[in-house]
Amino acid sequence: MRVPAESRIAGGRPPGCPAAFCGCGAALRVFGRVVPELNLAANWLRFPRTSPSPGMVAARRGHVFVLEQHLRGDIWMAYDANSGGHATRMHARSLRGYTVVNPHVAA
């Protein structure tokens, strides 16, 4: 399977989100609302660890993104808020250096 070269800009900083908005953008994608305590990317690491699958979240101190579709190996199509230039993108991301967590169960 080939990794798509395209990167699609899905938007900018969502209303109600802080300037560093990856955690806020991920919360909007996963929960449909701003969850203030999840604005800090490191707070996503409080959720239980899990295997990569659609709807799970890749987190590390300083950044977080939502897994959308497995492409190959450790490469996933991701919903990636504040992915550079204050843009939200759908693009291929490696999970290297990230912990995958399940935000759908209590932390």
PDB file of N, CA and C in Angstrom:
ATOM      1  N   MET A   1       0.847  -1.179   0.000  1.00  0.00           N
ATOM      2  CA  MET A   1       0.000   0.000   0.000  1.00  0.00           C
ATOM      3  C   MET A   1       0.891   1.240   0.000  1.00  0.00           C
ATOM      4  N   ARG A   2       0.584   2.180  -0.818  1.00  0.00           N
ATOM      5  CA  ARG A   2       1.321   3.424  -0.966  1.00  0.00           C
ATOM      6  C   ARG A   2       0.770   4.479  -0.006  1.00  0.00           C
ATOM      7  N   VAL A   3       1.654   5.253   0.617  1.00  0.00           N
ATOM      8  CA  VAL A   3       1.208   6.346   1.475  1.00  0.00           C
ATOM      9  C   VAL A   3       0.819   7.521   0.594  1.00  0.00           C
ATOM     10  N   PRO A   4      -0.405   8.018   0.719  1.00  0.00           N
ATOM     11  CA  PRO A   4      -0.812   9.156  -0.102  1.00  0.00           C
ATOM     12  C   PRO A   4       0.086  10.360   0.155  1.00  0.00           C
ATOM     13  N   ALA A   5       0.489  11.015  -0.906  1.00  0.00           N
ATOM     14  CA  ALA A   5       1.366  12.177  -0.785  1.00  0.00           C
ATOM     15  C   ALA A   5       0.587  13.424  -0.395  1.00  0.00           C
ATOM     16  N   GLU A   6      -0.723  13.425  -0.610  1.00  0.00           N
ATOM     17  CA  GLU A   6      -1.503  14.636  -0.369  1.00  0.00           C
ATOM     18  C   GLU A   6      -1.633  14.933   1.124  1.00  0.00           C
ATOM     19  N   SER A   7      -1.713  16.185   1.391  1.00  0.00           N
ATOM     20  CA  SER A   7      -1.985  16.692   2.721  1.00  0.00           C
ATOM     21  C   SER A   7      -3.077  17.726   2.529  1.00  0.00           C
ATOM     22  N   ARG A   8      -4.190  17.519   3.178  1.00  0.00           N
ATOM     23  CA  ARG A   8      -5.339  18.401   2.988  1.00  0.00           C
ATOM     24  C   ARG A   8      -5.520  19.277   4.217  1.00  0.00           C
ATOM     25  N   ILE A   9      -5.581  20.573   4.019  1.00  0.00           N
ATOM     26  CA  ILE A   9      -5.847  21.476   5.132  1.00  0.00           C
ATOM     27  C   ILE A   9      -7.337  21.409   5.432  1.00  0.00           C
ATOM     28  N   ALA A  10      -7.649  21.082   6.687  1.00  0.00           N
ATOM     29  CA  ALA A  10      -9.034  20.917   7.112  1.00  0.00           C
ATOM     30  C   ALA A  10      -9.558  22.160   7.828  1.00  0.00           C
ATOM     31  N   GLY A  11      -8.683  23.114   8.094  1.00  0.00           N
ATOM     32  CA  GLY A  11      -9.113  24.333   8.769  1.00  0.00           C
ATOM     33  C   GLY A  11      -7.973  24.967   9.529  1.00  0.00           C
ATOM     34  N   GLY A  12      -8.320  25.923  10.358  1.00  0.00           N
ATOM     35  CA  GLY A  12      -7.350  26.622  11.187  1.00  0.00           C
ATOM     36  C   GLY A  12      -7.658  26.383  12.647  1.00  0.00           C
ATOM     37  N   ARG A  13      -7.447  27.401  13.464  1.00  0.00           N
ATOM     38  CA  ARG A  13      -7.729  27.278  14.892  1.00  0.00           C
ATOM     39  C   ARG A  13      -9.235  27.372  15.106  1.00  0.00           C
ATOM     40  N   PRO A  14      -9.828  26.327  15.713  1.00  0.00           N
ATOM     41  CA  PRO A  14     -11.276  26.351  15.950  1.00  0.00           C
ATOM     42  C   PRO A  14     -11.663  27.432  16.967  1.00  0.00           C
ATOM     43  N   PRO A  15     -12.845  28.007  16.830  1.00  0.00           N
ATOM     44  CA  PRO A  15     -13.322  28.985  17.812  1.00  0.00           C
ATOM     45  C   PRO A  15     -13.319  28.369  19.213  1.00  0.00           C
ATOM     46  N   GLY A  16     -12.874  29.153  20.184  1.00  0.00           N
ATOM     47  CA  GLY A  16     -12.861  28.687  21.567  1.00  0.00           C
ATOM     48  C   GLY A  16     -11.608  27.949  21.963  1.00  0.00           C
ATOM     49  N   CYS A  17     -10.697  27.735  21.020  1.00  0.00           N
ATOM     50  CA  CYS A  17      -9.448  27.024  21.312  1.00  0.00           C
ATOM     51  C   CYS A  17      -8.313  28.018  21.532  1.00  0.00           C
ATOM     52  N   PRO A  18      -7.345  27.662  22.391  1.00  0.00           N
ATOM     53  CA  PRO A  18      -6.195  28.539  22.615  1.00  0.00           C
ATOM     54  C   PRO A  18      -5.262  28.560  21.406  1.00  0.00           C
ATOM     55  N   ALA A  19      -4.255  29.416  21.449  1.00  0.00           N
ATOM     56  CA  ALA A  19      -3.304  29.545  20.333  1.00  0.00           C
ATOM     57  C   ALA A  19      -2.584  28.229  20.041  1.00  0.00           C
ATOM     58  N   ALA A  20      -2.193  27.497  21.078  1.00  0.00           N
ATOM     59  CA  ALA A  20      -1.616  26.157  20.911  1.00  0.00           C
ATOM     60  C   ALA A  20      -2.802  25.197  21.000  1.00  0.00           C
ATOM     61  N   PHE A  21      -3.339  24.802  19.844  1.00  0.00           N
ATOM     62  CA  PHE A  21      -4.672  24.187  19.838  1.00  0.00           C
ATOM     63  C   PHE A  21      -4.735  22.718  19.447  1.00  0.00           C
ATOM     64  N   CYS A  22      -3.632  21.985  19.444  1.00  0.00           N
ATOM     65  CA  CYS A  22      -3.723  20.580  19.025  1.00  0.00           C
ATOM     66  C   CYS A  22      -4.635  19.769  19.944  1.00  0.00           C
ATOM     67  N   GLY A  23      -4.514  19.945  21.264  1.00  0.00           N
ATOM     68  CA  GLY A  23      -5.352  19.202  22.206  1.00  0.00           C
ATOM     69  C   GLY A  23      -6.811  19.594  22.106  1.00  0.00           C
ATOM     70  N   CYS A  24      -7.063  20.872  21.948  1.00  0.00           N
ATOM     71  CA  CYS A  24      -8.430  21.373  21.806  1.00  0.00           C
ATOM     72  C   CYS A  24      -9.054  20.856  20.511  1.00  0.00           C
ATOM     73  N   GLY A  25      -8.292  20.902  19.425  1.00  0.00           N
ATOM     74  CA  GLY A  25      -8.786  20.402  18.142  1.00  0.00           C
ATOM     75  C   GLY A  25      -9.078  18.916  18.182  1.00  0.00           C
ATOM     76  N   ALA A  26      -8.216  18.157  18.866  1.00  0.00           N
ATOM     77  CA  ALA A  26      -8.446  16.716  19.003  1.00  0.00           C
ATOM     78  C   ALA A  26      -9.714  16.454  19.808  1.00  0.00           C
ATOM     79  N   ALA A  27      -9.929  17.225  20.880  1.00  0.00           N
ATOM     80  CA  ALA A  27     -11.141  17.053  21.688  1.00  0.00           C
ATOM     81  C   ALA A  27     -12.390  17.336  20.862  1.00  0.00           C
ATOM     82  N   LEU A  28     -12.344  18.372  20.046  1.00  0.00           N
ATOM     83  CA  LEU A  28     -13.489  18.659  19.178  1.00  0.00           C
ATOM     84  C   LEU A  28     -13.750  17.509  18.221  1.00  0.00           C
ATOM     85  N   ARG A  29     -12.689  16.917  17.675  1.00  0.00           N
ATOM     86  CA  ARG A  29     -12.844  15.802  16.732  1.00  0.00           C
ATOM     87  C   ARG A  29     -13.404  14.566  17.433  1.00  0.00           C
ATOM     88  N   VAL A  30     -12.895  14.275  18.638  1.00  0.00           N
ATOM     89  CA  VAL A  30     -13.271  13.050  19.354  1.00  0.00           C
ATOM     90  C   VAL A  30     -14.598  13.202  20.101  1.00  0.00           C
ATOM     91  N   PHE A  31     -14.781  14.312  20.804  1.00  0.00           N
ATOM     92  CA  PHE A  31     -15.939  14.488  21.684  1.00  0.00           C
ATOM     93  C   PHE A  31     -16.984  15.467  21.150  1.00  0.00           C
ATOM     94  N   GLY A  32     -16.638  16.218  20.102  1.00  0.00           N
ATOM     95  CA  GLY A  32     -17.566  17.186  19.546  1.00  0.00           C
ATOM     96  C   GLY A  32     -17.692  18.467  20.351  1.00  0.00           C
ATOM     97  N   ARG A  33     -16.770  18.673  21.289  1.00  0.00           N
ATOM     98  CA  ARG A  33     -16.801  19.879  22.121  1.00  0.00           C
ATOM     99  C   ARG A  33     -15.412  20.147  22.683  1.00  0.00           C
ATOM    100  N   VAL A  34     -15.197  21.369  23.112  1.00  0.00           N
ATOM    101  CA  VAL A  34     -13.949  21.739  23.771  1.00  0.00           C
ATOM    102  C   VAL A  34     -13.955  21.134  25.172  1.00  0.00           C
ATOM    103  N   VAL A  35     -12.869  20.464  25.534  1.00  0.00           N
ATOM    104  CA  VAL A  35     -12.678  19.923  26.880  1.00  0.00           C
ATOM    105  C   VAL A  35     -11.430  20.625  27.424  1.00  0.00           C
ATOM    106  N   PRO A  36     -11.603  21.699  28.210  1.00  0.00           N
ATOM    107  CA  PRO A  36     -10.475  22.547  28.589  1.00  0.00           C
ATOM    108  C   PRO A  36      -9.257  21.809  29.147  1.00  0.00           C
ATOM    109  N   GLU A  37      -9.473  20.774  29.963  1.00  0.00           N
ATOM    110  CA  GLU A  37      -8.322  20.068  30.544  1.00  0.00           C
ATOM    111  C   GLU A  37      -7.529  19.288  29.495  1.00  0.00           C
ATOM    112  N   LEU A  38      -8.107  19.074  28.313  1.00  0.00           N
ATOM    113  CA  LEU A  38      -7.393  18.371  27.243  1.00  0.00           C
ATOM    114  C   LEU A  38      -6.706  19.335  26.277  1.00  0.00           C
ATOM    115  N   ASN A  39      -6.764  20.637  26.556  1.00  0.00           N
ATOM    116  CA  ASN A  39      -6.024  21.586  25.726  1.00  0.00           C
ATOM    117  C   ASN A  39      -4.526  21.319  25.809  1.00  0.00           C
ATOM    118  N   LEU A  40      -4.052  20.848  26.954  1.00  0.00           N
ATOM    119  CA  LEU A  40      -2.650  20.497  27.139  1.00  0.00           C
ATOM    120  C   LEU A  40      -2.435  19.084  26.603  1.00  0.00           C
ATOM    121  N   ALA A  41      -1.606  18.963  25.585  1.00  0.00           N
ATOM    122  CA  ALA A  41      -1.403  17.666  24.924  1.00  0.00           C
ATOM    123  C   ALA A  41      -1.012  16.568  25.906  1.00  0.00           C
ATOM    124  N   ALA A  42      -0.173  16.871  26.873  1.00  0.00           N
ATOM    125  CA  ALA A  42       0.294  15.856  27.822  1.00  0.00           C
ATOM    126  C   ALA A  42      -0.854  15.250  28.629  1.00  0.00           C
ATOM    127  N   ASN A  43      -1.953  15.982  28.818  1.00  0.00           N
ATOM    128  CA  ASN A  43      -3.078  15.444  29.584  1.00  0.00           C
ATOM    129  C   ASN A  43      -3.762  14.279  28.881  1.00  0.00           C
ATOM    130  N   TRP A  44      -3.596  14.164  27.568  1.00  0.00           N
ATOM    131  CA  TRP A  44      -4.161  13.019  26.847  1.00  0.00           C
ATOM    132  C   TRP A  44      -3.486  11.720  27.282  1.00  0.00           C
ATOM    133  N   LEU A  45      -2.279  11.814  27.807  1.00  0.00           N
ATOM    134  CA  LEU A  45      -1.555  10.617  28.250  1.00  0.00           C
ATOM    135  C   LEU A  45      -2.181   9.993  29.491  1.00  0.00           C
ATOM    136  N   ARG A  46      -3.172  10.634  30.081  1.00  0.00           N
ATOM    137  CA  ARG A  46      -3.888  10.069  31.235  1.00  0.00           C
ATOM    138  C   ARG A  46      -4.882   8.989  30.817  1.00  0.00           C
ATOM    139  N   PHE A  47      -5.255   8.969  29.541  1.00  0.00           N
ATOM    140  CA  PHE A  47      -6.158   7.923  29.056  1.00  0.00           C
ATOM    141  C   PHE A  47      -5.400   6.605  28.961  1.00  0.00           C
ATOM    142  N   PRO A  48      -6.115   5.479  29.022  1.00  0.00           N
ATOM    143  CA  PRO A  48      -5.452   4.174  28.947  1.00  0.00           C
ATOM    144  C   PRO A  48      -4.760   3.955  27.600  1.00  0.00           C
ATOM    145  N   ARG A  49      -3.617   3.299  27.658  1.00  0.00           N
ATOM    146  CA  ARG A  49      -2.872   2.944  26.446  1.00  0.00           C
ATOM    147  C   ARG A  49      -3.653   1.883  25.688  1.00  0.00           C
ATOM    148  N   THR A  50      -3.494   1.886  24.380  1.00  0.00           N
ATOM    149  CA  THR A  50      -4.187   0.918  23.540  1.00  0.00           C
ATOM    150  C   THR A  50      -3.410   0.704  22.257  1.00  0.00           C
ATOM    151  N   SER A  51      -3.909  -0.201  21.437  1.00  0.00           N
ATOM    152  CA  SER A  51      -3.330  -0.429  20.112  1.00  0.00           C
ATOM    153  C   SER A  51      -3.904   0.593  19.142  1.00  0.00           C
ATOM    154  N   PRO A  52      -3.151   0.946  18.114  1.00  0.00           N
ATOM    155  CA  PRO A  52      -3.661   1.901  17.127  1.00  0.00           C
ATOM    156  C   PRO A  52      -4.904   1.376  16.414  1.00  0.00           C
ATOM    157  N   SER A  53      -5.909   2.214  16.290  1.00  0.00           N
ATOM    158  CA  SER A  53      -7.107   1.928  15.502  1.00  0.00           C
ATOM    159  C   SER A  53      -7.819   3.260  15.275  1.00  0.00           C
ATOM    160  N   PRO A  54      -8.711   3.311  14.281  1.00  0.00           N
ATOM    161  CA  PRO A  54      -9.408   4.568  14.009  1.00  0.00           C
ATOM    162  C   PRO A  54     -10.131   5.095  15.251  1.00  0.00           C
ATOM    163  N   GLY A  55     -10.022   6.393  15.472  1.00  0.00           N
ATOM    164  CA  GLY A  55     -10.663   7.028  16.614  1.00  0.00           C
ATOM    165  C   GLY A  55      -9.802   7.108  17.854  1.00  0.00           C
ATOM    166  N   MET A  56      -8.680   6.385  17.864  1.00  0.00           N
ATOM    167  CA  MET A  56      -7.748   6.482  18.976  1.00  0.00           C
ATOM    168  C   MET A  56      -6.889   7.727  18.774  1.00  0.00           C
ATOM    169  N   VAL A  57      -6.119   8.082  19.783  1.00  0.00           N
ATOM    170  CA  VAL A  57      -5.335   9.315  19.753  1.00  0.00           C
ATOM    171  C   VAL A  57      -3.863   9.009  20.002  1.00  0.00           C
ATOM    172  N   ALA A  58      -3.007   9.621  19.210  1.00  0.00           N
ATOM    173  CA  ALA A  58      -1.556   9.529  19.406  1.00  0.00           C
ATOM    174  C   ALA A  58      -1.132  10.768  20.183  1.00  0.00           C
ATOM    175  N   ALA A  59      -0.468  10.558  21.318  1.00  0.00           N
ATOM    176  CA  ALA A  59      -0.124  11.678  22.189  1.00  0.00           C
ATOM    177  C   ALA A  59       1.321  11.593  22.655  1.00  0.00           C
ATOM    178  N   ARG A  60       1.882  12.753  22.905  1.00  0.00           N
ATOM    179  CA  ARG A  60       3.174  12.900  23.573  1.00  0.00           C
ATOM    180  C   ARG A  60       3.145  14.284  24.214  1.00  0.00           C
ATOM    181  N   ARG A  61       4.105  14.544  25.040  1.00  0.00           N
ATOM    182  CA  ARG A  61       4.185  15.882  25.621  1.00  0.00           C
ATOM    183  C   ARG A  61       4.426  16.861  24.480  1.00  0.00           C
ATOM    184  N   GLY A  62       3.519  17.774  24.270  1.00  0.00           N
ATOM    185  CA  GLY A  62       3.695  18.793  23.251  1.00  0.00           C
ATOM    186  C   GLY A  62       2.873  18.631  21.988  1.00  0.00           C
ATOM    187  N   HIS A  63       2.308  17.451  21.734  1.00  0.00           N
ATOM    188  CA  HIS A  63       1.470  17.309  20.538  1.00  0.00           C
ATOM    189  C   HIS A  63       0.562  16.083  20.648  1.00  0.00           C
ATOM    190  N   VAL A  64      -0.560  16.158  19.940  1.00  0.00           N
ATOM    191  CA  VAL A  64      -1.559  15.091  19.926  1.00  0.00           C
ATOM    192  C   VAL A  64      -2.279  15.138  18.583  1.00  0.00           C
ATOM    193  N   PHE A  65      -2.659  13.955  18.050  1.00  0.00           N
ATOM    194  CA  PHE A  65      -3.475  13.912  16.839  1.00  0.00           C
ATOM    195  C   PHE A  65      -4.367  12.683  16.874  1.00  0.00           C
ATOM    196  N   VAL A  66      -5.441  12.712  16.069  1.00  0.00           N
ATOM    197  CA  VAL A  66      -6.455  11.653  16.057  1.00  0.00           C
ATOM    198  C   VAL A  66      -6.193  10.718  14.882  1.00  0.00           C
ATOM    199  N   LEU A  67      -6.200   9.409  15.157  1.00  0.00           N
ATOM    200  CA  LEU A  67      -5.991   8.403  14.112  1.00  0.00           C
ATOM    201  C   LEU A  67      -7.283   8.213  13.325  1.00  0.00           C
ATOM    202  N   GLU A  68      -7.169   8.312  12.003  1.00  0.00           N
ATOM    203  CA  GLU A  68      -8.338   8.183  11.135  1.00  0.00           C
ATOM    204  C   GLU A  68      -8.330   6.880  10.340  1.00  0.00           C
ATOM    205  N   GLN A  69      -7.212   6.567   9.682  1.00  0.00           N
ATOM    206  CA  GLN A  69      -7.146   5.380   8.817  1.00  0.00           C
ATOM    207  C   GLN A  69      -5.716   4.868   8.763  1.00  0.00           C
ATOM    208  N   HIS A  70      -5.557   3.551   8.946  1.00  0.00           N
ATOM    209  CA  HIS A  70      -4.230   2.943   8.848  1.00  0.00           C
ATOM    210  C   HIS A  70      -3.805   2.888   7.389  1.00  0.00           C
ATOM    211  N   LEU A  71      -2.578   3.314   7.114  1.00  0.00           N
ATOM    212  CA  LEU A  71      -2.058   3.288   5.751  1.00  0.00           C
ATOM    213  C   LEU A  71      -1.080   2.137   5.561  1.00  0.00           C
ATOM    214  N   ARG A  72      -0.049   2.074   6.402  1.00  0.00           N
ATOM    215  CA  ARG A  72       0.899   0.952   6.383  1.00  0.00           C
ATOM    216  C   ARG A  72       1.858   1.115   7.551  1.00  0.00           C
ATOM    217  N   GLY A  73       2.356  -0.006   8.058  1.00  0.00           N
ATOM    218  CA  GLY A  73       3.330   0.062   9.151  1.00  0.00           C
ATOM    219  C   GLY A  73       2.849   0.956  10.274  1.00  0.00           C
ATOM    220  N   ASP A  74       3.675   1.936  10.626  1.00  0.00           N
ATOM    221  CA  ASP A  74       3.290   2.866  11.691  1.00  0.00           C
ATOM    222  C   ASP A  74       2.752   4.187  11.131  1.00  0.00           C
ATOM    223  N   ILE A  75       2.343   4.178   9.871  1.00  0.00           N
ATOM    224  CA  ILE A  75       1.835   5.385   9.214  1.00  0.00           C
ATOM    225  C   ILE A  75       0.303   5.374   9.210  1.00  0.00           C
ATOM    226  N   TRP A  76      -0.267   6.455   9.695  1.00  0.00           N
ATOM    227  CA  TRP A  76      -1.717   6.617   9.766  1.00  0.00           C
ATOM    228  C   TRP A  76      -2.132   7.932   9.129  1.00  0.00           C
ATOM    229  N   MET A  77      -3.296   7.945   8.485  1.00  0.00           N
ATOM    230  CA  MET A  77      -3.922   9.196   8.085  1.00  0.00           C
ATOM    231  C   MET A  77      -4.457   9.786   9.390  1.00  0.00           C
ATOM    232  N   ALA A  78      -4.119  11.037   9.654  1.00  0.00           N
ATOM    233  CA  ALA A  78      -4.430  11.636  10.944  1.00  0.00           C
ATOM    234  C   ALA A  78      -5.152  12.961  10.786  1.00  0.00           C
ATOM    235  N   TYR A  79      -6.029  13.229  11.732  1.00  0.00           N
ATOM    236  CA  TYR A  79      -6.614  14.554  11.904  1.00  0.00           C
ATOM    237  C   TYR A  79      -5.670  15.260  12.856  1.00  0.00           C
ATOM    238  N   ASP A  80      -4.938  16.235  12.355  1.00  0.00           N
ATOM    239  CA  ASP A  80      -3.802  16.810  13.062  1.00  0.00           C
ATOM    240  C   ASP A  80      -3.980  18.320  13.224  1.00  0.00           C
ATOM    241  N   ALA A  81      -4.590  18.717  14.336  1.00  0.00           N
ATOM    242  CA  ALA A  81      -4.819  20.135  14.619  1.00  0.00           C
ATOM    243  C   ALA A  81      -3.507  20.808  15.014  1.00  0.00           C
ATOM    244  N   ASN A  82      -3.312  22.027  14.564  1.00  0.00           N
ATOM    245  CA  ASN A  82      -2.100  22.813  14.813  1.00  0.00           C
ATOM    246  C   ASN A  82      -0.856  22.057  14.348  1.00  0.00           C
ATOM    247  N   SER A  83      -0.938  21.544  13.139  1.00  0.00           N
ATOM    248  CA  SER A  83       0.138  20.703  12.590  1.00  0.00           C
ATOM    249  C   SER A  83       1.238  21.498  11.910  1.00  0.00           C
ATOM    250  N   GLY A  84       1.217  22.786  12.060  1.00  0.00           N
ATOM    251  CA  GLY A  84       2.226  23.658  11.460  1.00  0.00           C
ATOM    252  C   GLY A  84       1.539  24.806  10.758  1.00  0.00           C
ATOM    253  N   GLY A  85       2.061  25.989  10.929  1.00  0.00           N
ATOM    254  CA  GLY A  85       1.459  27.156  10.297  1.00  0.00           C
ATOM    255  C   GLY A  85       0.058  27.444  10.798  1.00  0.00           C
ATOM    256  N   HIS A  86      -0.247  27.001  12.009  1.00  0.00           N
ATOM    257  CA  HIS A  86      -1.565  27.198  12.631  1.00  0.00           C
ATOM    258  C   HIS A  86      -2.692  26.611  11.787  1.00  0.00           C
ATOM    259  N   ALA A  87      -2.405  25.491  11.118  1.00  0.00           N
ATOM    260  CA  ALA A  87      -3.409  24.814  10.290  1.00  0.00           C
ATOM    261  C   ALA A  87      -3.777  23.466  10.902  1.00  0.00           C
ATOM    262  N   THR A  88      -4.975  23.014  10.589  1.00  0.00           N
ATOM    263  CA  THR A  88      -5.414  21.661  10.921  1.00  0.00           C
ATOM    264  C   THR A  88      -5.397  20.886   9.620  1.00  0.00           C
ATOM    265  N   ARG A  89      -4.708  19.738   9.625  1.00  0.00           N
ATOM    266  CA  ARG A  89      -4.542  18.956   8.402  1.00  0.00           C
ATOM    267  C   ARG A  89      -5.029  17.524   8.581  1.00  0.00           C
ATOM    268  N   MET A  90      -5.430  16.942   7.462  1.00  0.00           N
ATOM    269  CA  MET A  90      -5.599  15.497   7.336  1.00  0.00           C
ATOM    270  C   MET A  90      -4.391  15.073   6.517  1.00  0.00           C
ATOM    271  N   HIS A  91      -3.479  14.324   7.142  1.00  0.00           N
ATOM    272  CA  HIS A  91      -2.281  13.904   6.417  1.00  0.00           C
ATOM    273  C   HIS A  91      -1.684  12.665   7.057  1.00  0.00           C
ATOM    274  N   ALA A  92      -0.748  12.051   6.345  1.00  0.00           N
ATOM    275  CA  ALA A  92      -0.084  10.842   6.830  1.00  0.00           C
ATOM    276  C   ALA A  92       0.896  11.220   7.930  1.00  0.00           C
ATOM    277  N   ARG A  93       0.837  10.480   9.052  1.00  0.00           N
ATOM    278  CA  ARG A  93       1.727  10.712  10.190  1.00  0.00           C
ATOM    279  C   ARG A  93       2.266   9.386  10.689  1.00  0.00           C
ATOM    280  N   SER A  94       3.507   9.401  11.120  1.00  0.00           N
ATOM    281  CA  SER A  94       4.103   8.242  11.775  1.00  0.00           C
ATOM    282  C   SER A  94       3.727   8.270  13.256  1.00  0.00           C
ATOM    283  N   LEU A  95       3.571   7.092  13.837  1.00  0.00           N
ATOM    284  CA  LEU A  95       3.297   6.997  15.271  1.00  0.00           C
ATOM    285  C   LEU A  95       4.582   6.975  16.090  1.00  0.00           C
ATOM    286  N   ARG A  96       5.735   6.951  15.425  1.00  0.00           N
ATOM    287  CA  ARG A  96       7.012   6.906  16.138  1.00  0.00           C
ATOM    288  C   ARG A  96       7.118   8.063  17.129  1.00  0.00           C
ATOM    289  N   GLY A  97       7.425   7.726  18.366  1.00  0.00           N
ATOM    290  CA  GLY A  97       7.574   8.736  19.409  1.00  0.00           C
ATOM    291  C   GLY A  97       6.281   9.095  20.122  1.00  0.00           C
ATOM    292  N   TYR A  98       5.176   8.495  19.709  1.00  0.00           N
ATOM    293  CA  TYR A  98       3.874   8.778  20.304  1.00  0.00           C
ATOM    294  C   TYR A  98       3.355   7.568  21.069  1.00  0.00           C
ATOM    295  N   THR A  99       2.513   7.822  22.052  1.00  0.00           N
ATOM    296  CA  THR A  99       1.784   6.793  22.784  1.00  0.00           C
ATOM    297  C   THR A  99       0.347   6.839  22.291  1.00  0.00           C
ATOM    298  N   VAL A 100      -0.210   5.690  21.935  1.00  0.00           N
ATOM    299  CA  VAL A 100      -1.604   5.640  21.477  1.00  0.00           C
ATOM    300  C   VAL A 100      -2.495   5.393  22.687  1.00  0.00           C
ATOM    301  N   VAL A 101      -3.518   6.235  22.823  1.00  0.00           N
ATOM    302  CA  VAL A 101      -4.435   6.139  23.960  1.00  0.00           C
ATOM    303  C   VAL A 101      -5.876   6.040  23.466  1.00  0.00           C
ATOM    304  N   ASN A 102      -6.729   5.509  24.358  1.00  0.00           N
ATOM    305  CA  ASN A 102      -8.152   5.364  24.055  1.00  0.00           C
ATOM    306  C   ASN A 102      -8.941   6.414  24.836  1.00  0.00           C
ATOM    307  N   PRO A 103      -9.367   7.483  24.175  1.00  0.00           N
ATOM    308  CA  PRO A 103     -10.105   8.532  24.880  1.00  0.00           C
ATOM    309  C   PRO A 103     -11.574   8.195  25.124  1.00  0.00           C
ATOM    310  N   HIS A 104     -12.002   7.024  24.684  1.00  0.00           N
ATOM    311  CA  HIS A 104     -13.413   6.651  24.800  1.00  0.00           C
ATOM    312  C   HIS A 104     -13.719   5.899  26.087  1.00  0.00           C
ATOM    313  N   VAL A 105     -12.704   5.690  26.921  1.00  0.00           N
ATOM    314  CA  VAL A 105     -12.906   5.070  28.237  1.00  0.00           C
ATOM    315  C   VAL A 105     -12.375   6.037  29.289  1.00  0.00           C
ATOM    316  N   ALA A 106     -12.877   5.915  30.503  1.00  0.00           N
ATOM    317  CA  ALA A 106     -12.466   6.835  31.569  1.00  0.00           C
ATOM    318  C   ALA A 106     -10.969   6.736  31.824  1.00  0.00           C
ATOM    319  N   ALA A 107     -10.391   7.883  32.081  1.00  0.00           N
ATOM    320  CA  ALA A 107      -8.942   7.941  32.366  1.00  0.00           C
ATOM    321  C   ALA A 107      -8.653   7.470  33.770  1.00  0.00           C
TER     322      ALA A 107
END
